[in-house]
Amino acid sequence: MNSDFSLEIVSQEFGSPTDFSAHGRLRAQIAGTIVTSEAPEYGITQSALSLLRSLDPVGPAERPAFGPLSAYFLLGHDCGFPIGLGCTNFGTDWAVRHDGDHVVLSDAYTIDMTGDPPEFRSRRFDVDVRILLTLYRETVVRFAREAREFYFVDGTHGSDMPDLDKGFWAEFDSRLERAEGASD
């Protein structure tokens, strides 16, 4: 495991057989600092796609704040949005700046909901690390493969999915295949 950047799925589940979104607990660490929250569940498949998108060198100004390219890499779960959207009001994020054969990860923060009644809590993390793009890509690809395998393992979550979800998986598989090809 790389101490500069690591990402693991701690737990993963579906809410029901008709739930087209795997969710659970994640643990992300940047420069020795855990940047994920203990409070919300993350949308794991949505987060994997978001991270696969980060492998392309896109500037922050080009990254929209809402919608299917949401503002978070690790998206909160259970906002009632379709599979490709996730929550835009809580999650975990960091900046990814491509610099030749490296990426710089910095400016991490998480926003979660705690308490009863729920209140939003925001935390920023003072992280800044430069790592090889190949190491970042390998971590993201491993995470995405694990998310995909869980989703399709029992055969019930690939059949009869809505068109929006089919579009999600078409993009997911295309980006994963490209990233795996770049790793060879």
N, C-alpha and C. Protein backbone atom coordinates (compact mmCIF):
# COMPACT_ATOMS: atom_id res chain seq x y z
N MET A 1 0.85 -1.18 0.00
CA MET A 1 0.00 0.00 0.00
C MET A 1 0.90 1.24 0.00
N ASN A 2 0.57 2.21 -0.83
CA ASN A 2 1.32 3.44 -0.94
C ASN A 2 0.93 4.38 0.20
N SER A 3 1.91 4.89 0.94
CA SER A 3 1.59 5.77 2.07
C SER A 3 1.25 7.19 1.62
N ASP A 4 1.60 7.54 0.36
CA ASP A 4 1.25 8.87 -0.14
C ASP A 4 -0.20 8.95 -0.60
N PHE A 5 -0.73 7.84 -1.11
CA PHE A 5 -2.13 7.81 -1.52
C PHE A 5 -2.63 6.37 -1.46
N SER A 6 -3.67 6.14 -0.67
CA SER A 6 -4.29 4.83 -0.61
C SER A 6 -5.80 5.01 -0.56
N LEU A 7 -6.48 3.99 -1.05
CA LEU A 7 -7.93 4.03 -1.11
C LEU A 7 -8.44 2.60 -0.97
N GLU A 8 -9.34 2.38 -0.02
CA GLU A 8 -9.87 1.04 0.14
C GLU A 8 -11.37 1.07 0.43
N ILE A 9 -12.02 0.01 -0.02
CA ILE A 9 -13.43 -0.21 0.29
C ILE A 9 -13.47 -0.99 1.60
N VAL A 10 -14.02 -0.39 2.63
CA VAL A 10 -14.10 -1.02 3.94
C VAL A 10 -15.30 -1.97 4.00
N SER A 11 -16.44 -1.53 3.48
CA SER A 11 -17.63 -2.36 3.41
C SER A 11 -18.44 -1.91 2.20
N GLN A 12 -19.22 -2.84 1.66
CA GLN A 12 -19.98 -2.55 0.45
C GLN A 12 -21.25 -3.39 0.45
N GLU A 13 -22.37 -2.77 0.07
CA GLU A 13 -23.64 -3.49 0.05
C GLU A 13 -24.63 -2.81 -0.88
N PHE A 14 -25.74 -3.50 -1.12
CA PHE A 14 -26.89 -2.94 -1.82
C PHE A 14 -28.01 -2.81 -0.81
N GLY A 15 -28.84 -1.79 -0.98
CA GLY A 15 -29.98 -1.63 -0.08
C GLY A 15 -31.05 -2.68 -0.34
N SER A 16 -31.19 -3.13 -1.60
CA SER A 16 -32.18 -4.13 -1.98
C SER A 16 -31.77 -4.72 -3.33
N PRO A 17 -32.43 -5.79 -3.76
CA PRO A 17 -32.09 -6.36 -5.06
C PRO A 17 -32.36 -5.41 -6.22
N THR A 18 -33.25 -4.42 -6.02
CA THR A 18 -33.52 -3.46 -7.09
C THR A 18 -32.70 -2.18 -6.93
N ASP A 19 -31.83 -2.13 -5.94
CA ASP A 19 -30.95 -0.98 -5.72
C ASP A 19 -29.81 -1.08 -6.73
N PHE A 20 -29.72 -0.12 -7.64
CA PHE A 20 -28.70 -0.17 -8.68
C PHE A 20 -27.44 0.59 -8.30
N SER A 21 -27.26 0.84 -7.02
CA SER A 21 -26.08 1.57 -6.58
C SER A 21 -25.48 0.90 -5.35
N ALA A 22 -24.23 0.43 -5.48
CA ALA A 22 -23.53 -0.12 -4.33
C ALA A 22 -23.07 1.03 -3.44
N HIS A 23 -23.17 0.84 -2.14
CA HIS A 23 -22.76 1.89 -1.22
C HIS A 23 -22.09 1.27 -0.02
N GLY A 24 -21.37 2.08 0.73
CA GLY A 24 -20.69 1.57 1.91
C GLY A 24 -19.65 2.53 2.42
N ARG A 25 -18.71 1.99 3.16
CA ARG A 25 -17.68 2.80 3.82
C ARG A 25 -16.38 2.74 3.02
N LEU A 26 -15.74 3.88 2.94
CA LEU A 26 -14.46 4.01 2.24
C LEU A 26 -13.42 4.59 3.16
N ARG A 27 -12.17 4.33 2.83
CA ARG A 27 -11.06 4.94 3.57
C ARG A 27 -10.05 5.42 2.53
N ALA A 28 -9.86 6.73 2.49
CA ALA A 28 -8.86 7.34 1.61
C ALA A 28 -7.83 8.04 2.47
N GLN A 29 -6.58 7.87 2.09
CA GLN A 29 -5.48 8.49 2.83
C GLN A 29 -4.57 9.19 1.83
N ILE A 30 -4.26 10.44 2.14
CA ILE A 30 -3.35 11.24 1.32
C ILE A 30 -2.27 11.78 2.22
N ALA A 31 -1.02 11.52 1.86
CA ALA A 31 0.14 12.00 2.62
C ALA A 31 0.02 11.65 4.11
N GLY A 32 -0.45 10.43 4.39
CA GLY A 32 -0.55 9.97 5.77
C GLY A 32 -1.77 10.45 6.54
N THR A 33 -2.64 11.22 5.90
CA THR A 33 -3.84 11.76 6.55
C THR A 33 -5.09 11.08 6.00
N ILE A 34 -5.92 10.55 6.89
CA ILE A 34 -7.20 9.98 6.46
C ILE A 34 -8.13 11.14 6.16
N VAL A 35 -8.65 11.18 4.92
CA VAL A 35 -9.47 12.31 4.49
C VAL A 35 -10.94 11.95 4.34
N THR A 36 -11.30 10.70 4.57
CA THR A 36 -12.70 10.30 4.46
C THR A 36 -13.41 10.46 5.79
N SER A 37 -14.72 10.49 5.70
CA SER A 37 -15.57 10.67 6.86
C SER A 37 -16.02 9.32 7.40
N GLU A 38 -16.33 9.28 8.67
CA GLU A 38 -16.93 8.09 9.27
C GLU A 38 -18.45 8.18 9.24
N ALA A 39 -19.00 9.35 8.97
CA ALA A 39 -20.45 9.55 9.09
C ALA A 39 -21.26 9.03 7.91
N PRO A 40 -21.14 9.58 6.71
CA PRO A 40 -22.05 9.14 5.65
C PRO A 40 -21.56 7.87 4.96
N GLU A 41 -22.48 7.20 4.32
CA GLU A 41 -22.09 6.12 3.43
C GLU A 41 -21.76 6.76 2.09
N TYR A 42 -20.79 6.19 1.44
CA TYR A 42 -20.39 6.69 0.13
C TYR A 42 -21.04 5.84 -0.96
N GLY A 43 -21.37 6.47 -2.08
CA GLY A 43 -21.80 5.77 -3.28
C GLY A 43 -20.54 5.23 -3.94
N ILE A 44 -20.32 3.94 -3.85
CA ILE A 44 -19.04 3.37 -4.27
C ILE A 44 -18.89 3.34 -5.78
N THR A 45 -19.91 2.92 -6.50
CA THR A 45 -19.78 2.88 -7.95
C THR A 45 -19.66 4.29 -8.53
N GLN A 46 -20.43 5.24 -7.99
CA GLN A 46 -20.33 6.62 -8.46
C GLN A 46 -18.94 7.19 -8.17
N SER A 47 -18.41 6.90 -6.98
CA SER A 47 -17.09 7.39 -6.60
C SER A 47 -16.02 6.80 -7.50
N ALA A 48 -16.15 5.53 -7.86
CA ALA A 48 -15.17 4.91 -8.74
C ALA A 48 -15.15 5.60 -10.10
N LEU A 49 -16.32 5.92 -10.65
CA LEU A 49 -16.35 6.63 -11.93
C LEU A 49 -15.74 8.02 -11.79
N SER A 50 -16.07 8.70 -10.72
CA SER A 50 -15.52 10.03 -10.50
C SER A 50 -13.99 9.99 -10.45
N LEU A 51 -13.44 8.98 -9.78
CA LEU A 51 -11.98 8.84 -9.71
C LEU A 51 -11.38 8.46 -11.06
N LEU A 52 -12.07 7.61 -11.82
CA LEU A 52 -11.59 7.28 -13.17
C LEU A 52 -11.52 8.54 -14.02
N ARG A 53 -12.48 9.44 -13.85
CA ARG A 53 -12.46 10.71 -14.59
C ARG A 53 -11.25 11.55 -14.22
N SER A 54 -10.76 11.41 -12.98
CA SER A 54 -9.62 12.22 -12.53
C SER A 54 -8.31 11.80 -13.19
N LEU A 55 -8.32 10.68 -13.90
CA LEU A 55 -7.11 10.23 -14.58
C LEU A 55 -6.84 11.05 -15.84
N ASP A 56 -7.86 11.75 -16.33
CA ASP A 56 -7.67 12.65 -17.46
C ASP A 56 -7.23 14.01 -16.93
N PRO A 57 -6.25 14.62 -17.58
CA PRO A 57 -5.76 15.93 -17.09
C PRO A 57 -6.74 17.06 -17.41
N VAL A 58 -7.74 17.23 -16.54
CA VAL A 58 -8.76 18.26 -16.70
C VAL A 58 -8.54 19.30 -15.62
N GLY A 59 -8.53 20.57 -16.01
CA GLY A 59 -8.33 21.64 -15.03
C GLY A 59 -9.53 21.83 -14.14
N PRO A 60 -9.31 22.37 -12.92
CA PRO A 60 -10.41 22.56 -11.96
C PRO A 60 -11.54 23.42 -12.51
N ALA A 61 -11.22 24.40 -13.37
CA ALA A 61 -12.27 25.27 -13.90
C ALA A 61 -13.21 24.50 -14.81
N GLU A 62 -12.75 23.37 -15.35
CA GLU A 62 -13.57 22.58 -16.26
C GLU A 62 -14.39 21.53 -15.53
N ARG A 63 -14.23 21.43 -14.24
CA ARG A 63 -14.93 20.41 -13.45
C ARG A 63 -16.18 21.01 -12.83
N PRO A 64 -17.37 20.63 -13.32
CA PRO A 64 -18.60 21.25 -12.82
C PRO A 64 -18.88 20.92 -11.36
N ALA A 65 -19.63 21.79 -10.72
CA ALA A 65 -19.94 21.63 -9.30
C ALA A 65 -21.14 20.72 -9.06
N PHE A 66 -21.99 20.50 -10.07
CA PHE A 66 -23.20 19.70 -9.86
C PHE A 66 -23.38 18.73 -11.01
N GLY A 67 -24.27 17.77 -10.81
CA GLY A 67 -24.63 16.85 -11.88
C GLY A 67 -23.71 15.65 -11.96
N PRO A 68 -23.72 14.97 -13.12
CA PRO A 68 -23.01 13.71 -13.23
C PRO A 68 -21.49 13.83 -13.07
N LEU A 69 -20.95 15.02 -13.17
CA LEU A 69 -19.51 15.22 -12.93
C LEU A 69 -19.33 15.96 -11.62
N SER A 70 -20.09 15.59 -10.63
CA SER A 70 -20.20 16.30 -9.37
C SER A 70 -18.89 16.83 -8.80
N ALA A 71 -19.01 17.61 -7.77
CA ALA A 71 -17.86 18.28 -7.18
C ALA A 71 -17.01 17.37 -6.31
N TYR A 72 -17.46 16.17 -6.01
CA TYR A 72 -16.71 15.29 -5.12
C TYR A 72 -16.15 14.09 -5.87
N PHE A 73 -14.97 13.64 -5.44
CA PHE A 73 -14.47 12.37 -5.95
C PHE A 73 -15.17 11.22 -5.26
N LEU A 74 -15.32 11.31 -3.95
CA LEU A 74 -16.01 10.28 -3.18
C LEU A 74 -17.37 10.84 -2.80
N LEU A 75 -18.40 10.34 -3.46
CA LEU A 75 -19.72 10.92 -3.36
C LEU A 75 -20.54 10.29 -2.25
N GLY A 76 -21.26 11.13 -1.52
CA GLY A 76 -22.19 10.62 -0.53
C GLY A 76 -23.28 9.80 -1.20
N HIS A 77 -23.90 8.92 -0.46
CA HIS A 77 -24.93 8.02 -1.01
C HIS A 77 -26.29 8.36 -0.43
N ASP A 78 -27.33 7.96 -1.17
CA ASP A 78 -28.72 7.97 -0.70
C ASP A 78 -29.35 9.35 -0.67
N CYS A 79 -29.18 10.07 -1.77
CA CYS A 79 -29.88 11.35 -1.92
C CYS A 79 -31.09 11.21 -2.83
N GLY A 80 -31.33 10.00 -3.32
CA GLY A 80 -32.45 9.79 -4.22
C GLY A 80 -32.10 10.10 -5.66
N PHE A 81 -30.83 10.32 -5.97
CA PHE A 81 -30.42 10.59 -7.35
C PHE A 81 -30.14 9.28 -8.06
N PRO A 82 -30.21 9.28 -9.42
CA PRO A 82 -29.83 8.09 -10.17
C PRO A 82 -28.36 7.74 -9.94
N ILE A 83 -27.99 6.55 -10.39
CA ILE A 83 -26.67 5.99 -10.11
C ILE A 83 -25.52 6.92 -10.48
N GLY A 84 -25.61 7.64 -11.56
CA GLY A 84 -24.49 8.44 -12.02
C GLY A 84 -24.35 9.78 -11.34
N LEU A 85 -25.28 10.15 -10.49
CA LEU A 85 -25.22 11.48 -9.91
C LEU A 85 -24.66 11.52 -8.51
N GLY A 86 -25.08 10.63 -7.64
CA GLY A 86 -24.62 10.69 -6.25
C GLY A 86 -25.12 11.94 -5.57
N CYS A 87 -24.61 12.22 -4.38
CA CYS A 87 -25.01 13.41 -3.62
C CYS A 87 -24.07 14.55 -3.94
N THR A 88 -24.62 15.72 -4.08
CA THR A 88 -23.78 16.90 -4.29
C THR A 88 -23.67 17.72 -3.01
N ASN A 89 -24.30 17.27 -1.91
CA ASN A 89 -24.24 18.07 -0.68
C ASN A 89 -23.35 17.45 0.39
N PHE A 90 -22.81 16.25 0.19
CA PHE A 90 -21.78 15.75 1.09
C PHE A 90 -20.92 14.72 0.37
N GLY A 91 -19.69 14.63 0.83
CA GLY A 91 -18.72 13.73 0.23
C GLY A 91 -17.31 14.16 0.60
N THR A 92 -16.34 13.60 -0.11
CA THR A 92 -14.93 13.91 0.12
C THR A 92 -14.29 14.26 -1.21
N ASP A 93 -13.44 15.26 -1.19
CA ASP A 93 -12.82 15.72 -2.43
C ASP A 93 -11.39 16.15 -2.19
N TRP A 94 -10.62 16.24 -3.25
CA TRP A 94 -9.27 16.80 -3.21
C TRP A 94 -8.93 17.27 -4.61
N ALA A 95 -7.93 18.11 -4.71
CA ALA A 95 -7.48 18.59 -6.01
C ALA A 95 -6.50 17.58 -6.59
N VAL A 96 -6.62 17.36 -7.91
CA VAL A 96 -5.68 16.52 -8.65
C VAL A 96 -5.14 17.37 -9.77
N ARG A 97 -3.85 17.63 -9.71
CA ARG A 97 -3.20 18.41 -10.77
C ARG A 97 -2.19 17.50 -11.47
N HIS A 98 -2.39 17.35 -12.77
CA HIS A 98 -1.46 16.54 -13.56
C HIS A 98 -0.22 17.36 -13.88
N ASP A 99 0.94 16.75 -13.69
CA ASP A 99 2.22 17.42 -13.92
C ASP A 99 3.17 16.40 -14.56
N GLY A 100 3.07 16.28 -15.87
CA GLY A 100 3.91 15.31 -16.58
C GLY A 100 3.56 13.89 -16.17
N ASP A 101 4.57 13.15 -15.68
CA ASP A 101 4.32 11.76 -15.27
C ASP A 101 3.99 11.66 -13.78
N HIS A 102 3.57 12.77 -13.18
CA HIS A 102 3.17 12.82 -11.77
C HIS A 102 1.78 13.47 -11.66
N VAL A 103 1.17 13.29 -10.49
CA VAL A 103 0.00 14.06 -10.11
C VAL A 103 0.28 14.67 -8.74
N VAL A 104 -0.30 15.82 -8.51
CA VAL A 104 -0.20 16.47 -7.21
C VAL A 104 -1.59 16.42 -6.59
N LEU A 105 -1.67 15.81 -5.41
CA LEU A 105 -2.93 15.72 -4.67
C LEU A 105 -2.86 16.71 -3.52
N SER A 106 -3.87 17.56 -3.40
CA SER A 106 -3.84 18.60 -2.37
C SER A 106 -5.26 19.05 -2.04
N ASP A 107 -5.35 19.95 -1.06
CA ASP A 107 -6.60 20.63 -0.72
C ASP A 107 -7.77 19.68 -0.49
N ALA A 108 -7.58 18.67 0.33
CA ALA A 108 -8.65 17.71 0.60
C ALA A 108 -9.64 18.28 1.61
N TYR A 109 -10.89 17.90 1.46
CA TYR A 109 -11.91 18.27 2.44
C TYR A 109 -13.04 17.26 2.39
N THR A 110 -13.78 17.20 3.45
CA THR A 110 -14.97 16.35 3.50
C THR A 110 -16.10 17.15 4.13
N ILE A 111 -17.28 16.91 3.64
CA ILE A 111 -18.49 17.49 4.22
C ILE A 111 -19.41 16.31 4.52
N ASP A 112 -19.85 16.20 5.77
CA ASP A 112 -20.74 15.10 6.12
C ASP A 112 -21.86 15.60 7.02
N MET A 113 -22.76 14.70 7.32
CA MET A 113 -23.90 15.00 8.18
C MET A 113 -23.77 14.17 9.44
N THR A 114 -23.90 14.83 10.59
CA THR A 114 -23.83 14.12 11.87
C THR A 114 -24.94 14.63 12.78
N GLY A 115 -25.22 13.86 13.80
CA GLY A 115 -26.16 14.30 14.83
C GLY A 115 -27.61 14.00 14.50
N ASP A 116 -28.46 14.33 15.47
CA ASP A 116 -29.89 14.16 15.31
C ASP A 116 -30.59 15.36 15.93
N PRO A 117 -31.14 16.30 15.18
CA PRO A 117 -31.27 16.27 13.72
C PRO A 117 -29.91 16.45 13.03
N PRO A 118 -29.81 15.96 11.79
CA PRO A 118 -28.52 16.02 11.08
C PRO A 118 -28.06 17.45 10.85
N GLU A 119 -26.77 17.65 11.04
CA GLU A 119 -26.13 18.93 10.75
C GLU A 119 -24.94 18.66 9.84
N PHE A 120 -24.68 19.59 8.92
CA PHE A 120 -23.52 19.46 8.06
C PHE A 120 -22.27 19.86 8.83
N ARG A 121 -21.20 19.10 8.59
CA ARG A 121 -19.91 19.39 9.20
C ARG A 121 -18.86 19.34 8.10
N SER A 122 -18.04 20.37 8.04
CA SER A 122 -17.01 20.46 7.01
C SER A 122 -15.64 20.39 7.67
N ARG A 123 -14.73 19.62 7.06
CA ARG A 123 -13.36 19.55 7.55
C ARG A 123 -12.40 19.65 6.37
N ARG A 124 -11.38 20.47 6.54
CA ARG A 124 -10.32 20.59 5.53
C ARG A 124 -9.08 19.90 6.05
N PHE A 125 -8.30 19.36 5.11
CA PHE A 125 -7.07 18.65 5.47
C PHE A 125 -5.89 19.28 4.75
N ASP A 126 -4.86 19.59 5.49
CA ASP A 126 -3.67 20.21 4.93
C ASP A 126 -2.78 19.12 4.35
N VAL A 127 -3.09 18.72 3.13
CA VAL A 127 -2.31 17.69 2.44
C VAL A 127 -1.81 18.25 1.12
N ASP A 128 -0.64 17.81 0.75
CA ASP A 128 -0.05 18.22 -0.53
C ASP A 128 1.04 17.20 -0.84
N VAL A 129 0.82 16.35 -1.83
CA VAL A 129 1.79 15.32 -2.14
C VAL A 129 1.89 15.14 -3.66
N ARG A 130 3.08 14.89 -4.11
CA ARG A 130 3.35 14.64 -5.53
C ARG A 130 3.70 13.16 -5.66
N ILE A 131 2.94 12.45 -6.49
CA ILE A 131 3.20 11.02 -6.68
C ILE A 131 3.21 10.69 -8.17
N LEU A 132 3.81 9.57 -8.50
CA LEU A 132 3.82 9.12 -9.89
C LEU A 132 2.39 8.88 -10.36
N LEU A 133 2.10 9.33 -11.56
CA LEU A 133 0.79 9.10 -12.15
C LEU A 133 0.48 7.61 -12.23
N THR A 134 1.49 6.79 -12.50
CA THR A 134 1.26 5.34 -12.58
C THR A 134 0.77 4.78 -11.23
N LEU A 135 1.30 5.27 -10.12
CA LEU A 135 0.83 4.80 -8.80
C LEU A 135 -0.59 5.26 -8.52
N TYR A 136 -0.90 6.51 -8.86
CA TYR A 136 -2.26 7.02 -8.68
C TYR A 136 -3.22 6.21 -9.54
N ARG A 137 -2.86 6.00 -10.82
CA ARG A 137 -3.71 5.24 -11.73
C ARG A 137 -3.93 3.81 -11.22
N GLU A 138 -2.87 3.14 -10.75
CA GLU A 138 -3.01 1.77 -10.24
C GLU A 138 -3.97 1.71 -9.05
N THR A 139 -3.91 2.69 -8.17
CA THR A 139 -4.80 2.73 -7.01
C THR A 139 -6.25 2.93 -7.45
N VAL A 140 -6.46 3.85 -8.38
CA VAL A 140 -7.82 4.13 -8.87
C VAL A 140 -8.37 2.91 -9.62
N VAL A 141 -7.55 2.30 -10.47
CA VAL A 141 -7.99 1.13 -11.25
C VAL A 141 -8.35 -0.03 -10.31
N ARG A 142 -7.53 -0.29 -9.31
CA ARG A 142 -7.82 -1.37 -8.35
C ARG A 142 -9.16 -1.11 -7.66
N PHE A 143 -9.37 0.12 -7.22
CA PHE A 143 -10.62 0.51 -6.57
C PHE A 143 -11.81 0.32 -7.51
N ALA A 144 -11.67 0.79 -8.75
CA ALA A 144 -12.77 0.69 -9.73
C ALA A 144 -13.08 -0.77 -10.07
N ARG A 145 -12.05 -1.58 -10.22
CA ARG A 145 -12.28 -3.01 -10.50
C ARG A 145 -13.05 -3.67 -9.35
N GLU A 146 -12.65 -3.37 -8.12
CA GLU A 146 -13.32 -3.95 -6.95
C GLU A 146 -14.79 -3.51 -6.89
N ALA A 147 -15.05 -2.24 -7.17
CA ALA A 147 -16.42 -1.73 -7.17
C ALA A 147 -17.24 -2.41 -8.26
N ARG A 148 -16.66 -2.56 -9.45
CA ARG A 148 -17.37 -3.19 -10.57
C ARG A 148 -17.64 -4.66 -10.28
N GLU A 149 -16.65 -5.38 -9.79
CA GLU A 149 -16.82 -6.81 -9.50
C GLU A 149 -17.95 -7.04 -8.50
N PHE A 150 -17.99 -6.23 -7.46
CA PHE A 150 -19.05 -6.38 -6.46
C PHE A 150 -20.42 -6.14 -7.10
N TYR A 151 -20.50 -5.11 -7.93
CA TYR A 151 -21.77 -4.74 -8.54
C TYR A 151 -22.34 -5.87 -9.39
N PHE A 152 -21.49 -6.52 -10.18
CA PHE A 152 -21.97 -7.52 -11.13
C PHE A 152 -21.81 -8.96 -10.66
N VAL A 153 -21.32 -9.20 -9.45
CA VAL A 153 -20.98 -10.55 -9.01
C VAL A 153 -22.15 -11.54 -9.00
N ASP A 154 -23.32 -11.10 -8.59
CA ASP A 154 -24.41 -12.07 -8.44
C ASP A 154 -25.35 -12.14 -9.64
N GLY A 155 -25.14 -11.32 -10.66
CA GLY A 155 -25.95 -11.36 -11.87
C GLY A 155 -27.25 -10.59 -11.80
N THR A 156 -27.70 -10.18 -10.62
CA THR A 156 -28.97 -9.46 -10.53
C THR A 156 -28.83 -7.97 -10.82
N HIS A 157 -27.64 -7.43 -10.63
CA HIS A 157 -27.49 -5.98 -10.80
C HIS A 157 -27.02 -5.57 -12.18
N GLY A 158 -26.99 -6.46 -13.13
CA GLY A 158 -26.65 -6.09 -14.49
C GLY A 158 -27.85 -6.17 -15.40
N SER A 159 -28.89 -6.83 -14.93
CA SER A 159 -30.07 -7.05 -15.77
C SER A 159 -31.14 -6.00 -15.49
N ASP A 160 -31.87 -5.69 -16.51
CA ASP A 160 -33.02 -4.79 -16.38
C ASP A 160 -32.68 -3.44 -15.77
N MET A 161 -31.47 -2.93 -16.01
CA MET A 161 -31.14 -1.63 -15.43
C MET A 161 -31.70 -0.51 -16.31
N PRO A 162 -32.05 0.60 -15.70
CA PRO A 162 -32.57 1.75 -16.45
C PRO A 162 -31.52 2.29 -17.44
N ASP A 163 -32.00 3.00 -18.47
CA ASP A 163 -31.10 3.52 -19.51
C ASP A 163 -30.02 4.43 -18.93
N LEU A 164 -30.37 5.25 -17.93
CA LEU A 164 -29.38 6.13 -17.33
C LEU A 164 -28.24 5.32 -16.73
N ASP A 165 -28.56 4.20 -16.10
CA ASP A 165 -27.55 3.34 -15.52
C ASP A 165 -26.71 2.66 -16.60
N LYS A 166 -27.33 2.30 -17.73
CA LYS A 166 -26.58 1.70 -18.84
C LYS A 166 -25.55 2.70 -19.36
N GLY A 167 -25.94 3.97 -19.46
CA GLY A 167 -25.00 5.01 -19.88
C GLY A 167 -23.86 5.17 -18.88
N PHE A 168 -24.20 5.09 -17.60
CA PHE A 168 -23.19 5.17 -16.55
C PHE A 168 -22.15 4.06 -16.74
N TRP A 169 -22.63 2.81 -16.90
CA TRP A 169 -21.70 1.69 -17.02
C TRP A 169 -20.93 1.71 -18.33
N ALA A 170 -21.51 2.26 -19.39
CA ALA A 170 -20.77 2.38 -20.65
C ALA A 170 -19.58 3.32 -20.45
N GLU A 171 -19.81 4.46 -19.80
CA GLU A 171 -18.70 5.37 -19.52
C GLU A 171 -17.70 4.73 -18.56
N PHE A 172 -18.19 4.11 -17.51
CA PHE A 172 -17.33 3.47 -16.50
C PHE A 172 -16.40 2.46 -17.18
N ASP A 173 -16.98 1.55 -17.97
CA ASP A 173 -16.18 0.50 -18.61
C ASP A 173 -15.19 1.06 -19.61
N SER A 174 -15.60 2.08 -20.35
CA SER A 174 -14.70 2.71 -21.32
C SER A 174 -13.50 3.36 -20.61
N ARG A 175 -13.76 4.09 -19.54
CA ARG A 175 -12.67 4.74 -18.79
C ARG A 175 -11.78 3.71 -18.09
N LEU A 176 -12.38 2.67 -17.54
CA LEU A 176 -11.60 1.63 -16.87
C LEU A 176 -10.70 0.91 -17.88
N GLU A 177 -11.23 0.59 -19.03
CA GLU A 177 -10.44 -0.08 -20.07
C GLU A 177 -9.27 0.81 -20.52
N ARG A 178 -9.54 2.09 -20.71
CA ARG A 178 -8.47 3.04 -21.09
C ARG A 178 -7.40 3.11 -20.01
N ALA A 179 -7.83 3.18 -18.76
CA ALA A 179 -6.88 3.28 -17.64
C ALA A 179 -6.06 1.99 -17.51
N GLU A 180 -6.69 0.85 -17.69
CA GLU A 180 -5.96 -0.42 -17.62
C GLU A 180 -4.95 -0.51 -18.77
N GLY A 181 -5.34 -0.02 -19.95
CA GLY A 181 -4.42 -0.01 -21.10
C GLY A 181 -3.23 0.89 -20.88
N ALA A 182 -3.45 2.00 -20.18
CA ALA A 182 -2.37 2.94 -19.89
C ALA A 182 -1.40 2.38 -18.86
N SER A 183 -1.88 1.42 -18.06
CA SER A 183 -1.04 0.83 -17.02
C SER A 183 -0.09 -0.22 -17.56
N ASP A 184 -0.41 -0.76 -18.74
CA ASP A 184 0.43 -1.84 -19.30
C ASP A 184 1.77 -1.33 -19.79
